[in-house]
Amino acid sequence: VFMFICAGMGSSTMYWGVMEWAYYYNSPGLNI
């Protein structure tokens, strides 16, 4: 499981894991 998780997830996951919510807060989906 660990090997194909590493194959399927880029190292940028570390960045998105901290910051992704802020992009959506500034520009939300579902017309919020």
All heavy atoms as atom14 arrays in JSON, in Angstrom:
{
  "sequence": "VFMFICAGMGSSTMYWGVMEWAYYYNSPGLNI",
  "atom14_mask": [
    [1, 1, 1, 1, 1, 1, 1, 0, 0, 0, 0, 0, 0, 0],
    [1, 1, 1, 1, 1, 1, 1, 1, 1, 1, 1, 0, 0, 0],
    [1, 1, 1, 1, 1, 1, 1, 1, 0, 0, 0, 0, 0, 0],
    [1, 1, 1, 1, 1, 1, 1, 1, 1, 1, 1, 0, 0, 0],
    [1, 1, 1, 1, 1, 1, 1, 1, 0, 0, 0, 0, 0, 0],
    [1, 1, 1, 1, 1, 1, 0, 0, 0, 0, 0, 0, 0, 0],
    [1, 1, 1, 1, 1, 0, 0, 0, 0, 0, 0, 0, 0, 0],
    [1, 1, 1, 1, 0, 0, 0, 0, 0, 0, 0, 0, 0, 0],
    [1, 1, 1, 1, 1, 1, 1, 1, 0, 0, 0, 0, 0, 0],
    [1, 1, 1, 1, 0, 0, 0, 0, 0, 0, 0, 0, 0, 0],
    [1, 1, 1, 1, 1, 1, 0, 0, 0, 0, 0, 0, 0, 0],
    [1, 1, 1, 1, 1, 1, 0, 0, 0, 0, 0, 0, 0, 0],
    [1, 1, 1, 1, 1, 1, 1, 0, 0, 0, 0, 0, 0, 0],
    [1, 1, 1, 1, 1, 1, 1, 1, 0, 0, 0, 0, 0, 0],
    [1, 1, 1, 1, 1, 1, 1, 1, 1, 1, 1, 1, 0, 0],
    [1, 1, 1, 1, 1, 1, 1, 1, 1, 1, 1, 1, 1, 1],
    [1, 1, 1, 1, 0, 0, 0, 0, 0, 0, 0, 0, 0, 0],
    [1, 1, 1, 1, 1, 1, 1, 0, 0, 0, 0, 0, 0, 0],
    [1, 1, 1, 1, 1, 1, 1, 1, 0, 0, 0, 0, 0, 0],
    [1, 1, 1, 1, 1, 1, 1, 1, 1, 0, 0, 0, 0, 0],
    [1, 1, 1, 1, 1, 1, 1, 1, 1, 1, 1, 1, 1, 1],
    [1, 1, 1, 1, 1, 0, 0, 0, 0, 0, 0, 0, 0, 0],
    [1, 1, 1, 1, 1, 1, 1, 1, 1, 1, 1, 1, 0, 0],
    [1, 1, 1, 1, 1, 1, 1, 1, 1, 1, 1, 1, 0, 0],
    [1, 1, 1, 1, 1, 1, 1, 1, 1, 1, 1, 1, 0, 0],
    [1, 1, 1, 1, 1, 1, 1, 1, 0, 0, 0, 0, 0, 0],
    [1, 1, 1, 1, 1, 1, 0, 0, 0, 0, 0, 0, 0, 0],
    [1, 1, 1, 1, 1, 1, 1, 0, 0, 0, 0, 0, 0, 0],
    [1, 1, 1, 1, 0, 0, 0, 0, 0, 0, 0, 0, 0, 0],
    [1, 1, 1, 1, 1, 1, 1, 1, 0, 0, 0, 0, 0, 0],
    [1, 1, 1, 1, 1, 1, 1, 1, 0, 0, 0, 0, 0, 0],
    [1, 1, 1, 1, 1, 1, 1, 1, 0, 0, 0, 0, 0, 0]
  ],
  "atom14_positions": [
    [[0.84, -1.2, 0.0], [0.0, 0.0, 0.0], [0.87, 1.25, 0.0], [0.63, 2.2, -0.75], [-0.96, 0.0, 1.21], [-1.69, 1.34, 1.31], [-1.96, -1.14, 1.1], [0.0, 0.0, 0.0], [0.0, 0.0, 0.0], [0.0, 0.0, 0.0], [0.0, 0.0, 0.0], [0.0, 0.0, 0.0], [0.0, 0.0, 0.0], [0.0, 0.0, 0.0]],
    [[1.91, 1.26, 0.82], [2.78, 2.42, 0.91], [3.44, 2.73, -0.43], [3.58, 3.9, -0.82], [3.85, 2.2, 1.97], [3.37, 2.44, 3.38], [2.06, 2.77, 3.64], [4.24, 2.31, 4.46], [1.61, 2.98, 4.93], [3.81, 2.52, 5.75], [2.5, 2.85, 6.0], [0.0, 0.0, 0.0], [0.0, 0.0, 0.0], [0.0, 0.0, 0.0]],
    [[3.88, 1.68, -1.16], [4.58, 1.91, -2.41], [3.69, 2.55, -3.45], [4.09, 3.49, -4.14], [5.2, 0.61, -2.94], [6.5, 0.24, -2.25], [7.42, -1.06, -3.1], [6.43, -2.49, -2.73], [0.0, 0.0, 0.0], [0.0, 0.0, 0.0], [0.0, 0.0, 0.0], [0.0, 0.0, 0.0], [0.0, 0.0, 0.0], [0.0, 0.0, 0.0]],
    [[2.45, 2.06, -3.59], [1.66, 2.7, -4.64], [1.01, 4.0, -4.18], [0.59, 4.81, -5.01], [0.65, 1.76, -5.31], [-0.37, 1.1, -4.45], [-1.28, 1.81, -3.71], [-0.46, -0.29, -4.44], [-2.24, 1.2, -2.96], [-1.43, -0.92, -3.67], [-2.31, -0.19, -2.93], [0.0, 0.0, 0.0], [0.0, 0.0, 0.0], [0.0, 0.0, 0.0]],
    [[0.96, 4.26, -2.88], [0.57, 5.6, -2.44], [1.66, 6.59, -2.82], [1.39, 7.7, -3.3], [0.31, 5.62, -0.92], [-1.05, 4.96, -0.62], [0.33, 7.04, -0.39], [-1.4, 4.91, 0.85], [0.0, 0.0, 0.0], [0.0, 0.0, 0.0], [0.0, 0.0, 0.0], [0.0, 0.0, 0.0], [0.0, 0.0, 0.0], [0.0, 0.0, 0.0]],
    [[2.92, 6.19, -2.64], [4.03, 7.06, -3.02], [4.08, 7.25, -4.54], [4.46, 8.31, -5.03], [5.36, 6.49, -2.53], [5.58, 6.65, -0.75], [0.0, 0.0, 0.0], [0.0, 0.0, 0.0], [0.0, 0.0, 0.0], [0.0, 0.0, 0.0], [0.0, 0.0, 0.0], [0.0, 0.0, 0.0], [0.0, 0.0, 0.0], [0.0, 0.0, 0.0]],
    [[3.72, 6.2, -5.28], [3.69, 6.32, -6.74], [2.59, 7.25, -7.2], [2.74, 7.98, -8.18], [3.5, 4.93, -7.37], [0.0, 0.0, 0.0], [0.0, 0.0, 0.0], [0.0, 0.0, 0.0], [0.0, 0.0, 0.0], [0.0, 0.0, 0.0], [0.0, 0.0, 0.0], [0.0, 0.0, 0.0], [0.0, 0.0, 0.0], [0.0, 0.0, 0.0]],
    [[1.47, 7.26, -6.47], [0.31, 8.02, -6.91], [0.16, 9.4, -6.34], [-0.69, 10.17, -6.78], [0.0, 0.0, 0.0], [0.0, 0.0, 0.0], [0.0, 0.0, 0.0], [0.0, 0.0, 0.0], [0.0, 0.0, 0.0], [0.0, 0.0, 0.0], [0.0, 0.0, 0.0], [0.0, 0.0, 0.0], [0.0, 0.0, 0.0], [0.0, 0.0, 0.0]],
    [[0.97, 9.74, -5.35], [0.87, 11.06, -4.73], [2.19, 11.78, -4.83], [3.22, 11.27, -4.39], [0.46, 10.93, -3.25], [-0.95, 10.42, -3.06], [-1.31, 10.12, -1.31], [-1.06, 11.74, -0.63], [0.0, 0.0, 0.0], [0.0, 0.0, 0.0], [0.0, 0.0, 0.0], [0.0, 0.0, 0.0], [0.0, 0.0, 0.0], [0.0, 0.0, 0.0]],
    [[2.17, 12.96, -5.42], [3.39, 13.73, -5.54], [3.8, 14.35, -4.22], [3.0, 14.46, -3.28], [0.0, 0.0, 0.0], [0.0, 0.0, 0.0], [0.0, 0.0, 0.0], [0.0, 0.0, 0.0], [0.0, 0.0, 0.0], [0.0, 0.0, 0.0], [0.0, 0.0, 0.0], [0.0, 0.0, 0.0], [0.0, 0.0, 0.0], [0.0, 0.0, 0.0]],
    [[5.05, 14.76, -4.15], [5.55, 15.39, -2.93], [4.86, 16.72, -2.65], [4.89, 17.21, -1.51], [7.06, 15.61, -3.05], [7.37, 16.28, -4.25], [0.0, 0.0, 0.0], [0.0, 0.0, 0.0], [0.0, 0.0, 0.0], [0.0, 0.0, 0.0], [0.0, 0.0, 0.0], [0.0, 0.0, 0.0], [0.0, 0.0, 0.0], [0.0, 0.0, 0.0]],
    [[4.22, 17.29, -3.67], [3.49, 18.54, -3.44], [2.29, 18.33, -2.52], [1.69, 19.29, -2.05], [3.0, 19.13, -4.76], [2.17, 18.23, -5.45], [0.0, 0.0, 0.0], [0.0, 0.0, 0.0], [0.0, 0.0, 0.0], [0.0, 0.0, 0.0], [0.0, 0.0, 0.0], [0.0, 0.0, 0.0], [0.0, 0.0, 0.0], [0.0, 0.0, 0.0]],
    [[1.95, 17.06, -2.24], [0.9, 16.76, -1.27], [1.22, 17.42, 0.07], [0.32, 17.85, 0.8], [0.76, 15.24, -1.07], [0.54, 14.62, -2.33], [-0.39, 14.9, -0.14], [0.0, 0.0, 0.0], [0.0, 0.0, 0.0], [0.0, 0.0, 0.0], [0.0, 0.0, 0.0], [0.0, 0.0, 0.0], [0.0, 0.0, 0.0], [0.0, 0.0, 0.0]],
    [[2.51, 17.5, 0.4], [2.91, 18.14, 1.65], [2.51, 19.62, 1.65], [2.09, 20.16, 2.68], [4.43, 18.01, 1.84], [4.94, 16.59, 1.95], [4.47, 15.78, 3.49], [5.42, 16.69, 4.7], [0.0, 0.0, 0.0], [0.0, 0.0, 0.0], [0.0, 0.0, 0.0], [0.0, 0.0, 0.0], [0.0, 0.0, 0.0], [0.0, 0.0, 0.0]],
    [[2.62, 20.25, 0.49], [2.22, 21.66, 0.37], [0.7, 21.79, 0.43], [0.15, 22.59, 1.2], [2.75, 22.23, -0.93], [2.24, 23.62, -1.25], [2.83, 24.74, -0.69], [1.15, 23.8, -2.11], [2.36, 26.02, -0.97], [0.67, 25.07, -2.39], [1.27, 26.17, -1.82], [0.79, 27.42, -2.09], [0.0, 0.0, 0.0], [0.0, 0.0, 0.0]],
    [[0.0, 21.0, -0.4], [-1.46, 21.1, -0.44], [-2.07, 20.74, 0.92], [-3.11, 21.28, 1.29], [-2.02, 20.17, -1.52], [-1.62, 20.52, -2.92], [-0.91, 19.75, -3.78], [-1.91, 21.73, -3.63], [-0.73, 20.4, -4.98], [-1.34, 21.62, -4.91], [-2.6, 22.9, -3.3], [-1.43, 22.62, -5.87], [-2.69, 23.91, -4.25], [-2.11, 23.76, -5.52]],
    [[-1.43, 19.81, 1.64], [-1.96, 19.4, 2.93], [-2.04, 20.53, 3.95], [-2.79, 20.45, 4.91], [0.0, 0.0, 0.0], [0.0, 0.0, 0.0], [0.0, 0.0, 0.0], [0.0, 0.0, 0.0], [0.0, 0.0, 0.0], [0.0, 0.0, 0.0], [0.0, 0.0, 0.0], [0.0, 0.0, 0.0], [0.0, 0.0, 0.0], [0.0, 0.0, 0.0]],
    [[-1.27, 21.58, 3.76], [-1.29, 22.73, 4.65], [-2.12, 23.87, 4.05], [-2.86, 24.56, 4.76], [0.14, 23.23, 4.94], [0.11, 24.46, 5.85], [0.98, 22.13, 5.58], [0.0, 0.0, 0.0], [0.0, 0.0, 0.0], [0.0, 0.0, 0.0], [0.0, 0.0, 0.0], [0.0, 0.0, 0.0], [0.0, 0.0, 0.0], [0.0, 0.0, 0.0]],
    [[-2.04, 24.06, 2.73], [-2.51, 25.3, 2.11], [-3.77, 25.19, 1.24], [-4.37, 26.22, 0.91], [-1.4, 25.88, 1.23], [-0.21, 26.41, 1.99], [-0.66, 27.73, 3.15], [-1.45, 28.9, 2.05], [0.0, 0.0, 0.0], [0.0, 0.0, 0.0], [0.0, 0.0, 0.0], [0.0, 0.0, 0.0], [0.0, 0.0, 0.0], [0.0, 0.0, 0.0]],
    [[-4.2, 24.0, 0.88], [-5.26, 23.92, -0.13], [-6.54, 24.62, 0.31], [-7.22, 25.27, -0.5], [-5.55, 22.45, -0.48], [-6.51, 22.3, -1.65], [-6.52, 20.89, -2.21], [-5.48, 20.21, -2.14], [-7.55, 20.48, -2.73], [0.0, 0.0, 0.0], [0.0, 0.0, 0.0], [0.0, 0.0, 0.0], [0.0, 0.0, 0.0], [0.0, 0.0, 0.0]],
    [[-6.9, 24.5, 1.56], [-8.15, 25.12, 2.03], [-8.17, 26.63, 1.77], [-9.24, 27.2, 1.5], [-8.33, 24.86, 3.53], [-7.41, 25.68, 4.39], [-6.15, 25.34, 4.79], [-7.66, 26.99, 4.91], [-5.6, 26.35, 5.54], [-6.5, 27.38, 5.64], [-8.73, 27.88, 4.85], [-6.39, 28.6, 6.28], [-8.62, 29.1, 5.48], [-7.47, 29.46, 6.2]],
    [[-7.0, 27.27, 1.86], [-6.95, 28.73, 1.71], [-7.3, 29.15, 0.29], [-7.91, 30.22, 0.08], [-5.57, 29.24, 2.1], [0.0, 0.0, 0.0], [0.0, 0.0, 0.0], [0.0, 0.0, 0.0], [0.0, 0.0, 0.0], [0.0, 0.0, 0.0], [0.0, 0.0, 0.0], [0.0, 0.0, 0.0], [0.0, 0.0, 0.0], [0.0, 0.0, 0.0]],
    [[-6.92, 28.35, -0.71], [-7.31, 28.65, -2.1], [-8.83, 28.61, -2.22], [-9.44, 29.47, -2.88], [-6.69, 27.62, -3.05], [-5.21, 27.76, -3.25], [-4.3, 27.08, -2.45], [-4.69, 28.56, -4.27], [-2.93, 27.19, -2.65], [-3.33, 28.68, -4.49], [-2.45, 28.0, -3.66], [-1.1, 28.12, -3.87], [0.0, 0.0, 0.0], [0.0, 0.0, 0.0]],
    [[-9.45, 27.61, -1.61], [-10.9, 27.46, -1.72], [-11.64, 28.5, -0.89], [-12.76, 28.89, -1.22], [-11.32, 26.05, -1.27], [-10.64, 24.93, -2.04], [-10.5, 23.67, -1.49], [-10.13, 25.15, -3.33], [-9.89, 22.65, -2.19], [-9.51, 24.13, -4.03], [-9.38, 22.88, -3.45], [-8.76, 21.87, -4.15], [0.0, 0.0, 0.0], [0.0, 0.0, 0.0]],
    [[-11.05, 28.95, 0.2], [-11.67, 30.0, 1.02], [-11.71, 31.32, 0.24], [-12.7, 32.05, 0.29], [-10.88, 30.17, 2.31], [-11.38, 31.27, 3.21], [-12.56, 31.1, 3.95], [-10.69, 32.47, 3.34], [-13.03, 32.11, 4.79], [-11.15, 33.48, 4.17], [-12.32, 33.3, 4.88], [-12.77, 34.31, 5.71], [0.0, 0.0, 0.0], [0.0, 0.0, 0.0]],
    [[-10.64, 31.58, -0.49], [-10.59, 32.81, -1.29], [-11.48, 32.73, -2.53], [-12.03, 33.74, -2.97], [-9.15, 33.1, -1.73], [-8.27, 33.59, -0.6], [-8.77, 34.19, 0.35], [-6.98, 33.32, -0.68], [0.0, 0.0, 0.0], [0.0, 0.0, 0.0], [0.0, 0.0, 0.0], [0.0, 0.0, 0.0], [0.0, 0.0, 0.0], [0.0, 0.0, 0.0]],
    [[-11.62, 31.53, -3.1], [-12.43, 31.35, -4.32], [-13.19, 30.04, -4.2], [-12.79, 29.01, -4.76], [-11.53, 31.33, -5.56], [-10.77, 32.51, -5.65], [0.0, 0.0, 0.0], [0.0, 0.0, 0.0], [0.0, 0.0, 0.0], [0.0, 0.0, 0.0], [0.0, 0.0, 0.0], [0.0, 0.0, 0.0], [0.0, 0.0, 0.0], [0.0, 0.0, 0.0]],
    [[-14.31, 30.01, -3.46], [-15.01, 28.75, -3.16], [-15.75, 28.16, -4.37], [-16.03, 28.86, -5.35], [-16.0, 29.14, -2.07], [-15.7, 30.54, -1.7], [-14.94, 31.15, -2.83], [0.0, 0.0, 0.0], [0.0, 0.0, 0.0], [0.0, 0.0, 0.0], [0.0, 0.0, 0.0], [0.0, 0.0, 0.0], [0.0, 0.0, 0.0], [0.0, 0.0, 0.0]],
    [[-16.08, 26.88, -4.23], [-16.92, 26.22, -5.22], [-18.39, 26.3, -4.85], [-18.76, 26.92, -3.84], [0.0, 0.0, 0.0], [0.0, 0.0, 0.0], [0.0, 0.0, 0.0], [0.0, 0.0, 0.0], [0.0, 0.0, 0.0], [0.0, 0.0, 0.0], [0.0, 0.0, 0.0], [0.0, 0.0, 0.0], [0.0, 0.0, 0.0], [0.0, 0.0, 0.0]],
    [[-19.23, 25.69, -5.67], [-20.68, 25.62, -5.43], [-21.32, 27.0, -5.29], [-22.36, 27.16, -4.65], [-20.99, 24.78, -4.18], [-20.48, 23.34, -4.18], [-20.84, 22.64, -2.87], [-21.05, 22.57, -5.36], [0.0, 0.0, 0.0], [0.0, 0.0, 0.0], [0.0, 0.0, 0.0], [0.0, 0.0, 0.0], [0.0, 0.0, 0.0], [0.0, 0.0, 0.0]],
    [[-20.68, 28.01, -5.9], [-21.18, 29.39, -5.88], [-21.34, 29.95, -4.47], [-22.19, 30.81, -4.21], [-22.53, 29.49, -6.63], [-22.35, 29.3, -8.12], [-21.33, 29.68, -8.69], [-23.34, 28.69, -8.76], [0.0, 0.0, 0.0], [0.0, 0.0, 0.0], [0.0, 0.0, 0.0], [0.0, 0.0, 0.0], [0.0, 0.0, 0.0], [0.0, 0.0, 0.0]],
    [[-20.52, 29.48, -3.55], [-20.52, 30.01, -2.18], [-19.76, 31.33, -2.16], [-18.76, 31.5, -2.87], [-19.85, 28.99, -1.23], [-20.67, 27.7, -1.18], [-19.67, 29.56, 0.16], [-19.98, 26.56, -0.46], [0.0, 0.0, 0.0], [0.0, 0.0, 0.0], [0.0, 0.0, 0.0], [0.0, 0.0, 0.0], [0.0, 0.0, 0.0], [0.0, 0.0, 0.0]]
  ]
}
